[in-house]
Amino acid sequence: MTSDAPDPAALGLDTRSWLPDRHDHGIAIIGCGGIVNDGHLPAYTSHGLNVVGCFDINPEAARRTAERWGITRVFDSLEEVAAEPSAEIADIAVPAWRQVELVRILADAGKHLLCQKPLSDNFAEAGEIVQRAAAAGVKLAVNQQYRWSPVVRAMHTLMAQGRIGTPTAAFIHESLVNPWELWPWLMDVPRLEVMYHSIHYLDGLRFLLSAHGEPEWVTSRHTRQPSQAPSAETQTATILDYASGLQAFVAVDHNDRSDDVFGRVRVLGTEGVVSGTMGLSYDYPHGRADTVRWSAHDDPGGGFETELPGRWIPDGFLGPISSLMAAIDDDIEPPTSGRDNLNTLRLVHAAYLSAAQNRSVRPAEIGERT
């Protein structure tokens, strides 16, 4: 590695550049749990976004969140949020199976929607959410903020610059101990790792490899450890096959109690390779800085490797809300729109069908069977 690394702005990592010209849209927070306090609100407050109030079915959680972040209003009910004119965007962070009932109320009230991922754990309900938003004429984005993590944003920028040529293979490999106890409501869900964790990586690969279209086949295997607390799978391997011959591989194990945990992303191309580390994997949930590395095949001693500014959590959370505000102002679809996210969910559900039936599955089957 001999070349100087580009500055952060040249890698797409200037978070303030993500903000649209107008970014004072009123945001109402729905759900005041850990991810809101560790992800959403640190990103929003550090960039001066306009949070007009918060609501949680646990009033004490809402009160604590409002006090911590200087939010001036705690809503007493979802109906109160729906009736509040200053709340232009409903930022929903609740368990997946609760999301559709909230959307039914908020979309009909004309609120633009930032929904937590997964959009739903039921594909038909996810489709209903997309349809309801469209019928109400409101914008809908899904909080797939991994696309805005430093390593993915930097890799995407380098790939868009043509530095690796045409992608030929992609890998995301992570091995760590995940503190599932932080989310007690996940302990008994029937589908866990792909639905709530690797969904980020499947969506991230769709983003990085979008020039190849959507995967044509999904092959997935899942298992669990006898000593684990959650009921469902915590170790998975998923292969995505594209019509072009490109293959992408996601392997995640949440049971690695060694001192050598890791999270790595790598895309090989006809002219070079770009790779990086996901800092969050190395000291979860605190993390460390992401890194990115690039080299060209015709100059193996050249290229660069650099540590990246910012963190997936919380900085990545600025991406979905910023793109939603831009979509509202410009009357366009946000990049993680509900309609786009259905293609991520097709990969998720195809992975479960593949594991259950011991076969490769076409994502197009999902929806036909749901």
Protein backbone atom coordinates (compact mmCIF):
# COMPACT_ATOMS: atom_id res chain seq x y z
CA MET A 1 0.00 0.00 0.00
CA THR A 2 1.76 3.15 -1.19
CA SER A 3 -0.80 5.67 -2.46
CA ASP A 4 -2.35 8.34 -0.26
CA ALA A 5 -5.96 7.61 0.66
CA PRO A 6 -8.66 10.02 -0.54
CA ASP A 7 -10.03 12.46 2.01
CA PRO A 8 -13.36 11.49 3.66
CA ALA A 9 -15.45 13.82 1.48
CA ALA A 10 -14.08 12.12 -1.65
CA LEU A 11 -15.25 8.79 -0.21
CA GLY A 12 -18.81 10.05 0.30
CA LEU A 13 -18.38 10.31 4.09
CA ASP A 14 -19.17 14.00 4.65
CA THR A 15 -22.41 13.40 6.55
CA ARG A 16 -23.53 17.02 6.24
CA SER A 17 -23.54 16.62 2.47
CA TRP A 18 -26.25 13.97 2.89
CA LEU A 19 -28.69 16.58 4.22
CA PRO A 20 -31.07 18.18 1.71
CA ASP A 21 -31.27 21.96 1.50
CA ARG A 22 -34.37 21.87 3.66
CA HIS A 23 -33.96 19.60 6.66
CA ASP A 24 -36.26 21.13 9.26
CA HIS A 25 -39.17 18.76 8.66
CA GLY A 26 -40.91 17.97 11.93
CA ILE A 27 -40.08 14.44 13.11
CA ALA A 28 -42.19 12.49 15.62
CA ILE A 29 -40.41 9.53 17.18
CA ILE A 30 -42.62 6.45 17.65
CA GLY A 31 -40.95 3.99 20.01
CA CYS A 32 -38.32 5.09 22.52
CA GLY A 33 -36.15 2.02 22.98
CA GLY A 34 -32.44 1.40 22.67
CA ILE A 35 -32.01 1.91 18.94
CA VAL A 36 -33.71 5.31 19.06
CA ASN A 37 -31.52 6.45 21.95
CA ASP A 38 -28.29 4.94 20.60
CA GLY A 39 -28.81 5.52 16.86
CA HIS A 40 -31.59 7.81 15.68
CA LEU A 41 -31.41 10.65 18.18
CA PRO A 42 -27.61 11.00 18.47
CA ALA A 43 -27.46 11.39 14.67
CA TYR A 44 -30.44 13.73 14.50
CA THR A 45 -29.45 16.05 17.32
CA SER A 46 -25.82 16.34 16.18
CA HIS A 47 -27.08 17.57 12.80
CA GLY A 48 -29.78 19.88 14.14
CA LEU A 49 -32.83 17.98 12.90
CA ASN A 50 -36.26 19.03 14.15
CA VAL A 51 -37.68 16.41 16.51
CA VAL A 52 -41.08 17.77 17.58
CA GLY A 53 -42.03 15.01 19.99
CA CYS A 54 -41.90 11.34 20.94
CA PHE A 55 -44.31 8.58 21.88
CA ASP A 56 -43.99 5.13 23.43
CA ILE A 57 -46.59 2.74 24.82
CA ASN A 58 -44.42 2.91 27.96
CA PRO A 59 -44.86 6.57 29.03
CA GLU A 60 -41.78 6.43 31.26
CA ALA A 61 -39.59 5.39 28.31
CA ALA A 62 -40.90 8.35 26.33
CA ARG A 63 -40.36 10.72 29.25
CA ARG A 64 -36.76 9.54 29.78
CA THR A 65 -36.00 9.86 26.07
CA ALA A 66 -37.48 13.37 25.90
CA GLU A 67 -35.50 14.45 28.94
CA ARG A 68 -32.23 12.99 27.65
CA TRP A 69 -32.48 14.61 24.22
CA GLY A 70 -34.25 17.85 25.02
CA ILE A 71 -37.46 16.90 23.21
CA THR A 72 -40.13 19.35 24.28
CA ARG A 73 -43.23 17.19 23.84
CA VAL A 74 -44.22 13.70 24.87
CA PHE A 75 -47.31 12.52 22.99
CA ASP A 76 -49.94 10.69 25.04
CA SER A 77 -51.19 8.52 22.17
CA LEU A 78 -50.57 7.58 18.57
CA GLU A 79 -53.75 9.42 17.66
CA GLU A 80 -52.23 12.57 19.14
CA VAL A 81 -49.21 12.15 16.87
CA ALA A 82 -51.50 11.64 13.89
CA ALA A 83 -53.38 14.86 14.68
CA GLU A 84 -50.26 17.02 15.17
CA PRO A 85 -49.64 19.26 12.10
CA SER A 86 -45.98 19.92 12.95
CA ALA A 87 -45.21 16.18 12.81
CA GLU A 88 -44.52 15.75 9.09
CA ILE A 89 -42.52 12.53 9.46
CA ALA A 90 -43.33 9.59 11.72
CA ASP A 91 -40.06 7.83 12.58
CA ILE A 92 -41.21 4.38 13.67
CA ALA A 93 -38.96 2.11 15.76
CA VAL A 94 -41.11 -0.76 17.04
CA PRO A 95 -41.03 -4.56 16.64
CA ALA A 96 -41.77 -5.67 13.10
CA TRP A 97 -45.14 -7.25 13.87
CA ARG A 98 -46.42 -3.94 15.32
CA GLN A 99 -45.49 -1.76 12.36
CA VAL A 100 -48.46 -2.34 10.05
CA GLU A 101 -51.05 -1.24 12.61
CA LEU A 102 -49.17 2.02 13.20
CA VAL A 103 -48.81 2.66 9.49
CA ARG A 104 -52.56 2.24 8.98
CA ILE A 105 -53.17 5.17 11.33
CA LEU A 106 -50.24 7.41 10.42
CA ALA A 107 -50.40 7.08 6.63
CA ASP A 108 -54.11 7.89 6.65
CA ALA A 109 -53.21 11.01 8.67
CA GLY A 110 -50.84 12.11 5.91
CA LYS A 111 -47.58 11.44 7.76
CA HIS A 112 -44.51 10.53 5.75
CA LEU A 113 -42.98 7.35 7.15
CA LEU A 114 -39.54 6.13 8.16
CA CYS A 115 -40.12 2.51 9.16
CA GLN A 116 -37.81 0.25 11.10
CA LYS A 117 -36.37 -2.80 9.43
CA PRO A 118 -37.67 -5.36 8.80
CA LEU A 119 -40.63 -3.53 7.32
CA SER A 120 -42.60 -6.55 8.52
CA ASP A 121 -41.77 -10.14 9.38
CA ASN A 122 -44.72 -11.07 7.14
CA PHE A 123 -44.23 -10.38 3.44
CA ALA A 124 -47.92 -9.79 2.77
CA GLU A 125 -48.06 -7.19 5.56
CA ALA A 126 -44.96 -5.49 4.15
CA GLY A 127 -46.77 -5.26 0.84
CA GLU A 128 -49.79 -3.75 2.59
CA ILE A 129 -47.58 -1.09 4.19
CA VAL A 130 -46.19 -0.13 0.78
CA GLN A 131 -49.67 -0.02 -0.74
CA ARG A 132 -51.12 2.06 2.10
CA ALA A 133 -48.35 4.65 1.85
CA ALA A 134 -48.86 4.90 -1.90
CA ALA A 135 -52.64 5.21 -1.57
CA ALA A 136 -52.23 7.94 1.04
CA GLY A 137 -49.75 9.84 -1.13
CA VAL A 138 -47.02 9.79 1.53
CA LYS A 139 -43.35 8.90 1.18
CA LEU A 140 -42.10 5.71 2.81
CA ALA A 141 -38.49 4.83 3.58
CA VAL A 142 -37.11 1.85 5.49
CA ASN A 143 -34.28 2.32 7.97
CA GLN A 144 -31.70 0.18 6.16
CA GLN A 145 -28.95 2.44 7.45
CA TYR A 146 -26.13 -0.07 6.80
CA ARG A 147 -25.98 1.47 3.31
CA TRP A 148 -24.69 4.63 5.01
CA SER A 149 -22.15 2.92 7.26
CA PRO A 150 -18.66 4.30 6.59
CA VAL A 151 -17.25 1.11 5.03
CA VAL A 152 -20.20 0.54 2.68
CA ARG A 153 -20.40 4.19 1.67
CA ALA A 154 -16.64 4.28 0.95
CA MET A 155 -16.69 1.00 -0.97
CA HIS A 156 -19.68 2.12 -3.04
CA THR A 157 -17.92 5.39 -3.89
CA LEU A 158 -14.74 3.60 -4.98
CA MET A 159 -16.71 1.11 -7.06
CA ALA A 160 -18.68 3.93 -8.70
CA GLN A 161 -15.34 5.50 -9.65
CA GLY A 162 -14.54 2.34 -11.61
CA ARG A 163 -11.61 1.36 -9.42
CA ILE A 164 -12.32 -2.38 -9.44
CA GLY A 165 -13.90 -2.71 -12.88
CA THR A 166 -16.82 -5.13 -13.08
CA PRO A 167 -17.58 -6.93 -9.78
CA THR A 168 -17.06 -10.69 -9.96
CA ALA A 169 -17.59 -11.81 -6.35
CA ALA A 170 -18.62 -10.29 -3.02
CA PHE A 171 -18.31 -11.45 0.58
CA ILE A 172 -19.56 -10.32 3.98
CA HIS A 173 -18.18 -12.44 6.82
CA GLU A 174 -18.83 -11.69 10.49
CA SER A 175 -18.06 -13.66 13.64
CA LEU A 176 -18.84 -12.21 17.07
CA VAL A 177 -20.93 -12.55 20.21
CA ASN A 178 -24.17 -10.64 19.88
CA PRO A 179 -25.71 -9.50 23.19
CA TRP A 180 -29.24 -10.65 22.36
CA GLU A 181 -30.28 -9.82 25.91
CA LEU A 182 -30.41 -6.16 24.84
CA TRP A 183 -33.57 -7.06 22.88
CA PRO A 184 -35.67 -9.34 25.14
CA TRP A 185 -38.51 -9.29 22.60
CA LEU A 186 -36.26 -11.19 20.16
CA MET A 187 -35.73 -14.18 22.46
CA ASP A 188 -38.73 -16.13 21.20
CA VAL A 189 -39.16 -14.97 17.60
CA PRO A 190 -39.25 -17.91 15.15
CA ARG A 191 -36.83 -16.26 12.68
CA LEU A 192 -33.94 -14.24 14.04
CA GLU A 193 -30.52 -13.90 12.41
CA VAL A 194 -31.44 -13.27 8.79
CA MET A 195 -34.66 -11.38 9.60
CA TYR A 196 -33.10 -8.98 12.10
CA HIS A 197 -29.36 -8.93 11.39
CA SER A 198 -28.19 -10.28 8.04
CA ILE A 199 -31.05 -8.36 6.43
CA HIS A 200 -28.64 -5.41 6.66
CA TYR A 201 -25.98 -7.29 4.71
CA LEU A 202 -28.38 -8.56 2.06
CA ASP A 203 -29.60 -4.99 1.57
CA GLY A 204 -26.03 -3.69 1.55
CA LEU A 205 -25.05 -6.16 -1.17
CA ARG A 206 -28.06 -5.11 -3.25
CA PHE A 207 -26.75 -1.54 -2.92
CA LEU A 208 -23.13 -2.35 -3.75
CA LEU A 209 -24.01 -4.67 -6.64
CA SER A 210 -27.04 -2.82 -8.03
CA ALA A 211 -25.51 -2.59 -11.53
CA HIS A 212 -26.04 -6.37 -11.78
CA GLY A 213 -29.77 -6.18 -11.09
CA GLU A 214 -31.39 -8.41 -8.49
CA PRO A 215 -30.14 -11.89 -7.48
CA GLU A 216 -31.82 -14.75 -9.34
CA TRP A 217 -31.19 -17.48 -6.77
CA VAL A 218 -30.83 -17.65 -2.98
CA THR A 219 -29.31 -20.62 -1.16
CA SER A 220 -29.15 -20.51 2.63
CA ARG A 221 -28.32 -22.72 5.63
CA HIS A 222 -29.15 -21.92 9.26
CA THR A 223 -28.31 -23.40 12.64
CA ARG A 224 -28.26 -22.59 16.34
CA GLN A 225 -26.14 -23.54 19.35
CA PRO A 226 -27.64 -25.63 22.18
CA SER A 227 -26.43 -23.17 24.83
CA GLN A 228 -27.80 -20.02 23.21
CA ALA A 229 -30.62 -17.99 24.78
CA PRO A 230 -32.67 -17.13 21.65
CA SER A 231 -35.01 -19.78 20.25
CA ALA A 232 -34.20 -19.22 16.57
CA GLU A 233 -31.13 -19.40 14.32
CA THR A 234 -27.95 -17.48 15.25
CA GLN A 235 -25.54 -18.85 12.64
CA THR A 236 -26.28 -18.57 8.90
CA ALA A 237 -24.66 -18.77 5.49
CA THR A 238 -26.41 -17.36 2.43
CA ILE A 239 -25.35 -17.33 -1.23
CA LEU A 240 -26.81 -14.95 -3.82
CA ASP A 241 -26.41 -15.92 -7.48
CA TYR A 242 -26.86 -13.33 -10.25
CA ALA A 243 -27.65 -13.91 -13.92
CA SER A 244 -24.27 -12.42 -14.85
CA GLY A 245 -22.43 -15.16 -12.95
CA LEU A 246 -21.65 -12.86 -10.03
CA GLN A 247 -21.95 -14.60 -6.68
CA ALA A 248 -22.25 -12.96 -3.26
CA PHE A 249 -21.80 -14.73 0.06
CA VAL A 250 -22.94 -13.72 3.58
CA ALA A 251 -21.77 -15.78 6.56
CA VAL A 252 -22.53 -14.72 10.14
CA ASP A 253 -21.94 -16.47 13.46
CA HIS A 254 -23.14 -14.81 16.68
CA ASN A 255 -21.53 -17.40 18.97
CA ASP A 256 -17.81 -16.60 18.66
CA ARG A 257 -16.43 -16.28 22.20
CA SER A 258 -12.80 -16.08 21.08
CA ASP A 259 -10.55 -13.03 21.26
CA ASP A 260 -10.49 -12.82 17.45
CA VAL A 261 -13.97 -11.62 16.48
CA PHE A 262 -14.28 -9.82 13.15
CA GLY A 263 -16.52 -8.30 10.50
CA ARG A 264 -15.24 -8.02 6.92
CA VAL A 265 -16.62 -6.91 3.56
CA ARG A 266 -14.89 -7.61 0.24
CA VAL A 267 -15.76 -7.11 -3.43
CA LEU A 268 -13.52 -8.53 -6.17
CA GLY A 269 -13.57 -7.02 -9.64
CA THR A 270 -12.02 -7.48 -13.06
CA GLU A 271 -9.53 -4.67 -12.38
CA GLY A 272 -9.10 -4.54 -8.62
CA VAL A 273 -10.44 -5.31 -5.18
CA VAL A 274 -12.02 -3.18 -2.47
CA SER A 275 -12.48 -4.46 1.06
CA GLY A 276 -12.97 -3.20 4.56
CA THR A 277 -13.75 -3.93 8.17
CA MET A 278 -17.00 -3.25 10.02
CA GLY A 279 -15.80 -1.67 13.25
CA LEU A 280 -19.03 -2.42 15.09
CA SER A 281 -18.23 -6.15 14.95
CA TYR A 282 -15.00 -5.84 16.92
CA ASP A 283 -16.37 -4.49 20.20
CA TYR A 284 -20.13 -4.76 19.86
CA PRO A 285 -22.09 -2.64 20.69
CA HIS A 286 -19.39 0.01 21.20
CA GLY A 287 -17.35 -0.69 18.09
CA ARG A 288 -14.33 0.98 16.58
CA ALA A 289 -13.66 2.83 13.34
CA ASP A 290 -14.38 1.12 10.01
CA THR A 291 -11.54 0.73 7.52
CA VAL A 292 -11.37 0.50 3.73
CA ARG A 293 -8.65 -0.91 1.47
CA TRP A 294 -8.29 -0.73 -2.32
CA SER A 295 -5.75 -2.13 -4.76
CA ALA A 296 -5.55 -2.60 -8.54
CA HIS A 297 -4.58 -5.92 -10.10
CA ASP A 298 -1.97 -4.27 -12.32
CA ASP A 299 -0.31 -2.55 -9.34
CA PRO A 300 -0.50 -4.96 -6.39
CA GLY A 301 1.96 -2.92 -4.33
CA GLY A 302 -0.05 0.27 -4.77
CA GLY A 303 -3.49 1.22 -3.57
CA PHE A 304 -4.29 2.37 -0.06
CA GLU A 305 -5.79 1.35 3.27
CA THR A 306 -7.29 3.88 5.64
CA GLU A 307 -9.36 4.24 8.79
CA LEU A 308 -12.70 5.95 8.17
CA PRO A 309 -14.38 8.71 10.16
CA GLY A 310 -17.81 8.17 11.64
CA ARG A 311 -19.57 5.01 12.81
CA TRP A 312 -22.40 2.89 11.48
CA ILE A 313 -24.15 3.60 14.79
CA PRO A 314 -25.05 6.43 15.14
CA ASP A 315 -23.86 8.24 11.98
CA GLY A 316 -25.46 5.87 9.49
CA PHE A 317 -28.89 6.79 10.82
CA LEU A 318 -28.61 10.21 9.22
CA GLY A 319 -28.78 8.61 5.77
CA PRO A 320 -32.34 7.24 5.68
CA ILE A 321 -33.93 10.30 7.31
CA SER A 322 -32.00 12.67 5.02
CA SER A 323 -32.96 10.77 1.89
CA LEU A 324 -36.59 10.69 3.04
CA MET A 325 -36.62 14.47 3.50
CA ALA A 326 -35.09 14.91 0.05
CA ALA A 327 -37.73 12.59 -1.40
CA ILE A 328 -40.50 14.65 0.20
CA ASP A 329 -39.13 17.92 -1.17
CA ASP A 330 -38.31 16.63 -4.67
CA ASP A 331 -41.30 14.26 -4.94
CA ILE A 332 -39.12 11.24 -5.71
CA GLU A 333 -38.70 7.78 -4.23
CA PRO A 334 -36.09 7.51 -1.44
CA PRO A 335 -33.33 4.95 -2.12
CA THR A 336 -34.60 2.67 0.66
CA SER A 337 -38.25 3.13 -0.30
CA GLY A 338 -40.78 0.56 0.81
CA ARG A 339 -41.10 -0.64 -2.77
CA ASP A 340 -37.32 -1.12 -3.05
CA ASN A 341 -37.24 -2.81 0.33
CA LEU A 342 -39.64 -5.50 -0.81
CA ASN A 343 -36.74 -6.82 -2.91
CA THR A 344 -34.57 -7.04 0.21
CA LEU A 345 -37.39 -8.83 2.01
CA ARG A 346 -37.70 -11.26 -0.90
CA LEU A 347 -34.08 -12.26 -0.28
CA VAL A 348 -34.77 -12.66 3.45
CA HIS A 349 -37.84 -14.84 2.94
CA ALA A 350 -36.11 -16.78 0.15
CA ALA A 351 -33.29 -17.54 2.59
CA TYR A 352 -35.74 -19.01 5.09
CA LEU A 353 -37.54 -21.01 2.41
CA SER A 354 -34.20 -22.30 1.14
CA ALA A 355 -33.12 -23.42 4.60
CA ALA A 356 -36.49 -25.04 5.32
CA GLN A 357 -36.70 -26.93 2.02
CA ASN A 358 -32.99 -27.62 1.42
CA ARG A 359 -32.99 -26.07 -2.03
CA SER A 360 -32.12 -22.92 -3.93
CA VAL A 361 -35.02 -20.47 -4.20
CA ARG A 362 -35.85 -17.80 -6.76
CA PRO A 363 -36.75 -14.54 -4.95
CA ALA A 364 -39.62 -14.19 -7.43
CA GLU A 365 -41.32 -17.08 -5.62
CA ILE A 366 -41.81 -14.85 -2.59
CA GLY A 367 -45.14 -13.14 -2.83
CA GLU A 368 -46.50 -15.96 -4.93
CA ARG A 369 -46.41 -18.13 -1.80
CA THR A 370 -47.20 -15.50 0.85
